[in-house]
Every structure is written in structure tokens, then in C-alpha cells.
């Protein structure tokens, strides 16, 4: 019975998890510079899909600044569906050779990041034993990034986000 439940959960989650984007969006240029992209105002619009809960729209309004030590501070107002907005803050600092380290108010541990060409890959643990992985792909022109996030529990995808982030 336990195996059947795990299989059912895996099959249900597969329907909400993007996967082809990992190869299709990757490019050598433009190189993703998180400080340049997130400084100033950004707006993200997307769809969050959660297993057994369905889909809802998301709106994320951000304001970023760079501290003297190079830390990127990104304050965001996040609205899911018709719910009240919530606040979150990212703090990322360069950690050498395209790597970033930092914190996120939604995370239960450290955020790790890696830039490779136009892609910024972020990974962090969340409350409740969840693990998030995000792939942000900077688009030609440098004003738009595609964001794909997958949240897993016990290695099984339980939620995904497909979002377009635009510099304002």
C-alpha cells in the first residue's frame, strides 16, 4: 500500500513539474549577473502548481540594492492567488567563480547559487523537509528572466513554479 501511494504521488506530481526547460533555455550568453539584474525594481508573474491543490497565479514585486560588500539585498512582496501579500527577503553575496551564498526568509537553511552562462541555479531547504531548486534563465536583452522552481519532499516533486521576471 505504501508503495502504491508513493507511485500515485510521483505520477500526480509529474504533471505539474516542468523539465524540458533545463536544456531548452540554457545558453552561453547573455551571462546572468544577479547584481545587475536584481538592482532596482522587478516584477514576476507566474503560475504555482501544488500537488493535490491545483494551480494559482503569483505576482512578485521586488526592489533590489547592492550593499558596499557586494551583497545583493532583494525585498519582495509576494501575492499568491487572491491571498494577502507577504514579504520575503533574499540576501546573496558573491562566493567566488560564479558562486553565490546567502539567506532567504522563506528558507530553513542557507541558499547556494551558481551562474553558468545565462542560468542562475539556486538551491535551498525549506520548512517541513521541503527542498527548493530554482533555475533562472536571463533572456536576450537582459531585461527578462524565466524562472523555473521545483520543490521536492523525500525526492518527489510536490510543487513547481513557472514565472517570468521583468526589470522595471
C-alpha atoms as a PDB file:
ATOM      1  CA  UNK A   1       0.000   0.000   0.000  1.00  0.00           C
ATOM      2  CA  UNK A   2       2.792   2.413   0.890  1.00  0.00           C
ATOM      3  CA  UNK A   3       4.492   1.756  -2.466  1.00  0.00           C
ATOM      4  CA  UNK A   4       1.226   2.343  -4.327  1.00  0.00           C
ATOM      5  CA  UNK A   5       0.724   5.666  -2.531  1.00  0.00           C
ATOM      6  CA  UNK A   6       4.289   6.784  -3.355  1.00  0.00           C
ATOM      7  CA  UNK A   7       3.777   5.831  -7.005  1.00  0.00           C
ATOM      8  CA  UNK A   8       0.465   7.724  -7.146  1.00  0.00           C
ATOM      9  CA  UNK A   9       2.086  10.796  -5.589  1.00  0.00           C
ATOM     10  CA  UNK A  10       5.004  10.652  -8.045  1.00  0.00           C
ATOM     11  CA  UNK A  11       2.663  10.340 -11.033  1.00  0.00           C
ATOM     12  CA  UNK A  12       0.458  13.197  -9.845  1.00  0.00           C
ATOM     13  CA  UNK A  13       3.435  15.441  -9.260  1.00  0.00           C
ATOM     14  CA  UNK A  14       4.923  14.746 -12.675  1.00  0.00           C
ATOM     15  CA  UNK A  15       2.031  16.616 -14.265  1.00  0.00           C
ATOM     16  CA  UNK A  16       2.961  19.874 -12.525  1.00  0.00           C
ATOM     17  CA  UNK A  17       6.750  19.821 -12.843  1.00  0.00           C
ATOM     18  CA  UNK A  18       8.483  21.432 -15.811  1.00  0.00           C
ATOM     19  CA  UNK A  19      11.505  19.521 -17.042  1.00  0.00           C
ATOM     20  CA  UNK A  20      12.344  20.266 -20.683  1.00  0.00           C
ATOM     21  CA  UNK A  21      13.329  23.826 -19.765  1.00  0.00           C
ATOM     22  CA  UNK A  22      16.604  22.649 -18.307  1.00  0.00           C
ATOM     23  CA  UNK A  23      18.156  22.183 -21.747  1.00  0.00           C
ATOM     24  CA  UNK A  24      15.966  24.387 -23.916  1.00  0.00           C
ATOM     25  CA  UNK A  25      16.622  27.676 -22.050  1.00  0.00           C
ATOM     26  CA  UNK A  26      20.379  27.216 -21.388  1.00  0.00           C
ATOM     27  CA  UNK A  27      22.718  29.477 -23.411  1.00  0.00           C
ATOM     28  CA  UNK A  28      26.256  30.826 -23.121  1.00  0.00           C
ATOM     29  CA  UNK A  29      25.044  34.427 -23.412  1.00  0.00           C
ATOM     30  CA  UNK A  30      23.917  36.747 -22.094  1.00  0.00           C
ATOM     31  CA  UNK A  31      25.781  35.907 -18.878  1.00  0.00           C
ATOM     32  CA  UNK A  32      23.491  36.196 -15.847  1.00  0.00           C
ATOM     33  CA  UNK A  33      24.752  38.895 -13.473  1.00  0.00           C
ATOM     34  CA  UNK A  34      22.434  38.725 -10.431  1.00  0.00           C
ATOM     35  CA  UNK A  35      23.587  42.125  -9.123  1.00  0.00           C
ATOM     36  CA  UNK A  36      22.833  43.858 -12.424  1.00  0.00           C
ATOM     37  CA  UNK A  37      19.504  42.089 -12.948  1.00  0.00           C
ATOM     38  CA  UNK A  38      18.058  42.471  -9.455  1.00  0.00           C
ATOM     39  CA  UNK A  39      19.203  46.042  -8.703  1.00  0.00           C
ATOM     40  CA  UNK A  40      16.157  48.309  -8.879  1.00  0.00           C
ATOM     41  CA  UNK A  41      12.575  47.168  -9.440  1.00  0.00           C
ATOM     42  CA  UNK A  42      11.475  43.794 -10.789  1.00  0.00           C
ATOM     43  CA  UNK A  43       8.101  42.176 -11.311  1.00  0.00           C
ATOM     44  CA  UNK A  44       7.462  38.455 -11.546  1.00  0.00           C
ATOM     45  CA  UNK A  45       4.248  36.923 -12.878  1.00  0.00           C
ATOM     46  CA  UNK A  46       3.732  33.200 -12.898  1.00  0.00           C
ATOM     47  CA  UNK A  47       1.812  30.077 -12.072  1.00  0.00           C
ATOM     48  CA  UNK A  48       2.398  27.965  -8.974  1.00  0.00           C
ATOM     49  CA  UNK A  49       1.249  24.340  -9.193  1.00  0.00           C
ATOM     50  CA  UNK A  50       0.997  22.343  -5.964  1.00  0.00           C
ATOM     51  CA  UNK A  51       0.171  18.628  -5.936  1.00  0.00           C
ATOM     52  CA  UNK A  52      -3.422  17.966  -4.802  1.00  0.00           C
ATOM     53  CA  UNK A  53      -4.094  21.734  -4.568  1.00  0.00           C
ATOM     54  CA  UNK A  54      -4.041  22.824  -8.200  1.00  0.00           C
ATOM     55  CA  UNK A  55      -2.652  25.971  -9.746  1.00  0.00           C
ATOM     56  CA  UNK A  56      -2.704  29.608  -8.709  1.00  0.00           C
ATOM     57  CA  UNK A  57      -1.258  32.796 -10.117  1.00  0.00           C
ATOM     58  CA  UNK A  58       1.654  34.567  -8.469  1.00  0.00           C
ATOM     59  CA  UNK A  59       2.738  38.189  -8.501  1.00  0.00           C
ATOM     60  CA  UNK A  60       6.113  39.161  -7.036  1.00  0.00           C
ATOM     61  CA  UNK A  61       7.165  42.813  -6.816  1.00  0.00           C
ATOM     62  CA  UNK A  62      10.825  43.266  -5.926  1.00  0.00           C
ATOM     63  CA  UNK A  63      13.228  46.044  -5.087  1.00  0.00           C
ATOM     64  CA  UNK A  64      16.922  45.229  -5.014  1.00  0.00           C
ATOM     65  CA  UNK A  65      20.039  47.041  -3.924  1.00  0.00           C
ATOM     66  CA  UNK A  66      23.718  46.238  -3.578  1.00  0.00           C
ATOM     67  CA  UNK A  67      25.438  46.745  -0.229  1.00  0.00           C
ATOM     68  CA  UNK A  68      29.035  48.024  -0.065  1.00  0.00           C
ATOM     69  CA  UNK A  69      30.375  44.476   0.444  1.00  0.00           C
ATOM     70  CA  UNK A  70      28.659  43.318  -2.788  1.00  0.00           C
ATOM     71  CA  UNK A  71      25.702  41.616  -1.098  1.00  0.00           C
ATOM     72  CA  UNK A  72      22.525  41.695  -3.171  1.00  0.00           C
ATOM     73  CA  UNK A  73      19.518  42.532  -0.972  1.00  0.00           C
ATOM     74  CA  UNK A  74      16.202  41.820  -2.679  1.00  0.00           C
ATOM     75  CA  UNK A  75      13.000  42.700  -0.831  1.00  0.00           C
ATOM     76  CA  UNK A  76       9.873  41.177  -2.364  1.00  0.00           C
ATOM     77  CA  UNK A  77       6.119  41.434  -1.870  1.00  0.00           C
ATOM     78  CA  UNK A  78       4.608  38.091  -2.878  1.00  0.00           C
ATOM     79  CA  UNK A  79       0.949  37.515  -3.717  1.00  0.00           C
ATOM     80  CA  UNK A  80      -0.381  34.003  -4.363  1.00  0.00           C
ATOM     81  CA  UNK A  81      -3.838  33.861  -5.911  1.00  0.00           C
ATOM     82  CA  UNK A  82      -6.215  36.232  -4.138  1.00  0.00           C
ATOM     83  CA  UNK A  83      -4.347  35.995  -0.819  1.00  0.00           C
ATOM     84  CA  UNK A  84      -2.815  38.872   1.080  1.00  0.00           C
ATOM     85  CA  UNK A  85       0.730  39.795   0.068  1.00  0.00           C
ATOM     86  CA  UNK A  86       3.621  38.548   2.175  1.00  0.00           C
ATOM     87  CA  UNK A  87       7.160  39.889   2.448  1.00  0.00           C
ATOM     88  CA  UNK A  88      10.369  37.971   1.883  1.00  0.00           C
ATOM     89  CA  UNK A  89      13.991  38.972   1.600  1.00  0.00           C
ATOM     90  CA  UNK A  90      16.901  37.442  -0.292  1.00  0.00           C
ATOM     91  CA  UNK A  91      20.484  38.247   0.709  1.00  0.00           C
ATOM     92  CA  UNK A  92      23.075  36.849  -1.716  1.00  0.00           C
ATOM     93  CA  UNK A  93      26.769  37.590  -1.817  1.00  0.00           C
ATOM     94  CA  UNK A  94      29.383  36.519  -4.359  1.00  0.00           C
ATOM     95  CA  UNK A  95      31.321  33.479  -3.174  1.00  0.00           C
ATOM     96  CA  UNK A  96      33.912  33.206  -5.959  1.00  0.00           C
ATOM     97  CA  UNK A  97      33.902  31.847  -9.534  1.00  0.00           C
ATOM     98  CA  UNK A  98      30.220  32.440 -10.303  1.00  0.00           C
ATOM     99  CA  UNK A  99      29.057  31.089  -6.955  1.00  0.00           C
ATOM    100  CA  UNK A 100      26.721  32.828  -4.535  1.00  0.00           C
ATOM    101  CA  UNK A 101      25.784  32.145  -0.919  1.00  0.00           C
ATOM    102  CA  UNK A 102      23.155  33.708   1.255  1.00  0.00           C
ATOM    103  CA  UNK A 103      19.829  33.584   3.002  1.00  0.00           C
ATOM    104  CA  UNK A 104      16.123  33.755   2.218  1.00  0.00           C
ATOM    105  CA  UNK A 105      13.427  34.420   4.796  1.00  0.00           C
ATOM    106  CA  UNK A 106      11.374  31.502   3.334  1.00  0.00           C
ATOM    107  CA  UNK A 107      14.315  29.089   3.630  1.00  0.00           C
ATOM    108  CA  UNK A 108      15.185  26.986   6.666  1.00  0.00           C
ATOM    109  CA  UNK A 109      18.890  26.979   5.821  1.00  0.00           C
ATOM    110  CA  UNK A 110      21.475  28.569   3.561  1.00  0.00           C
ATOM    111  CA  UNK A 111      20.914  29.447  -0.089  1.00  0.00           C
ATOM    112  CA  UNK A 112      23.543  28.295  -2.592  1.00  0.00           C
ATOM    113  CA  UNK A 113      23.785  29.692  -6.109  1.00  0.00           C
ATOM    114  CA  UNK A 114      25.812  29.071  -9.257  1.00  0.00           C
ATOM    115  CA  UNK A 115      25.918  31.047 -12.513  1.00  0.00           C
ATOM    116  CA  UNK A 116      26.576  29.191 -15.758  1.00  0.00           C
ATOM    117  CA  UNK A 117      26.111  31.312 -18.878  1.00  0.00           C
ATOM    118  CA  UNK A 118      22.596  32.757 -18.853  1.00  0.00           C
ATOM    119  CA  UNK A 119      21.473  30.494 -15.979  1.00  0.00           C
ATOM    120  CA  UNK A 120      21.428  31.190 -12.243  1.00  0.00           C
ATOM    121  CA  UNK A 121      20.731  27.993 -10.288  1.00  0.00           C
ATOM    122  CA  UNK A 122      19.612  28.439  -6.653  1.00  0.00           C
ATOM    123  CA  UNK A 123      19.085  25.690  -4.091  1.00  0.00           C
ATOM    124  CA  UNK A 124      17.845  25.838  -0.505  1.00  0.00           C
ATOM    125  CA  UNK A 125      15.998  23.846   2.173  1.00  0.00           C
ATOM    126  CA  UNK A 126      12.517  24.877   3.290  1.00  0.00           C
ATOM    127  CA  UNK A 127      10.408  24.206   6.366  1.00  0.00           C
ATOM    128  CA  UNK A 128       8.718  20.827   6.633  1.00  0.00           C
ATOM    129  CA  UNK A 129      11.533  18.862   5.000  1.00  0.00           C
ATOM    130  CA  UNK A 130      10.991  20.501   1.610  1.00  0.00           C
ATOM    131  CA  UNK A 131      13.852  21.323  -0.776  1.00  0.00           C
ATOM    132  CA  UNK A 132      13.688  24.022  -3.472  1.00  0.00           C
ATOM    133  CA  UNK A 133      15.689  24.313  -6.664  1.00  0.00           C
ATOM    134  CA  UNK A 134      15.338  27.325  -8.963  1.00  0.00           C
ATOM    135  CA  UNK A 135      16.694  27.856 -12.448  1.00  0.00           C
ATOM    136  CA  UNK A 136      16.576  31.459 -13.687  1.00  0.00           C
ATOM    137  CA  UNK A 137      17.422  31.999 -17.358  1.00  0.00           C
ATOM    138  CA  UNK A 138      18.366  35.511 -18.481  1.00  0.00           C
ATOM    139  CA  UNK A 139      16.835  36.239 -21.879  1.00  0.00           C
ATOM    140  CA  UNK A 140      18.495  38.181 -24.727  1.00  0.00           C
ATOM    141  CA  UNK A 141      18.438  41.914 -23.956  1.00  0.00           C
ATOM    142  CA  UNK A 142      18.992  41.328 -20.224  1.00  0.00           C
ATOM    143  CA  UNK A 143      15.610  42.700 -19.082  1.00  0.00           C
ATOM    144  CA  UNK A 144      13.684  39.423 -18.651  1.00  0.00           C
ATOM    145  CA  UNK A 145      14.462  36.178 -16.840  1.00  0.00           C
ATOM    146  CA  UNK A 146      12.470  32.947 -16.956  1.00  0.00           C
ATOM    147  CA  UNK A 147      12.228  31.305 -13.528  1.00  0.00           C
ATOM    148  CA  UNK A 148      11.513  27.628 -13.027  1.00  0.00           C
ATOM    149  CA  UNK A 149      11.322  26.289  -9.482  1.00  0.00           C
ATOM    150  CA  UNK A 150      10.715  22.745  -8.317  1.00  0.00           C
ATOM    151  CA  UNK A 151      10.008  21.881  -4.674  1.00  0.00           C
ATOM    152  CA  UNK A 152      10.547  18.307  -3.522  1.00  0.00           C
ATOM    153  CA  UNK A 153       9.879  16.249  -0.424  1.00  0.00           C
ATOM    154  CA  UNK A 154      11.649  12.918   0.006  1.00  0.00           C
ATOM    155  CA  UNK A 155      12.955  13.432  -3.537  1.00  0.00           C
ATOM    156  CA  UNK A 156       9.447  13.621  -5.008  1.00  0.00           C
ATOM    157  CA  UNK A 157       8.306  16.818  -6.720  1.00  0.00           C
ATOM    158  CA  UNK A 158       5.363  18.367  -4.858  1.00  0.00           C
ATOM    159  CA  UNK A 159       5.220  21.855  -6.388  1.00  0.00           C
ATOM    160  CA  UNK A 160       6.521  23.869  -9.309  1.00  0.00           C
ATOM    161  CA  UNK A 161       6.622  27.493 -10.352  1.00  0.00           C
ATOM    162  CA  UNK A 162       6.821  28.849 -13.887  1.00  0.00           C
ATOM    163  CA  UNK A 163       7.442  32.611 -13.767  1.00  0.00           C
ATOM    164  CA  UNK A 164       8.623  35.462 -15.972  1.00  0.00           C
ATOM    165  CA  UNK A 165      10.571  38.188 -14.146  1.00  0.00           C
ATOM    166  CA  UNK A 166      10.888  41.608 -15.792  1.00  0.00           C
ATOM    167  CA  UNK A 167      13.137  44.522 -14.798  1.00  0.00           C
ATOM    168  CA  UNK A 168      11.069  47.704 -14.389  1.00  0.00           C
END
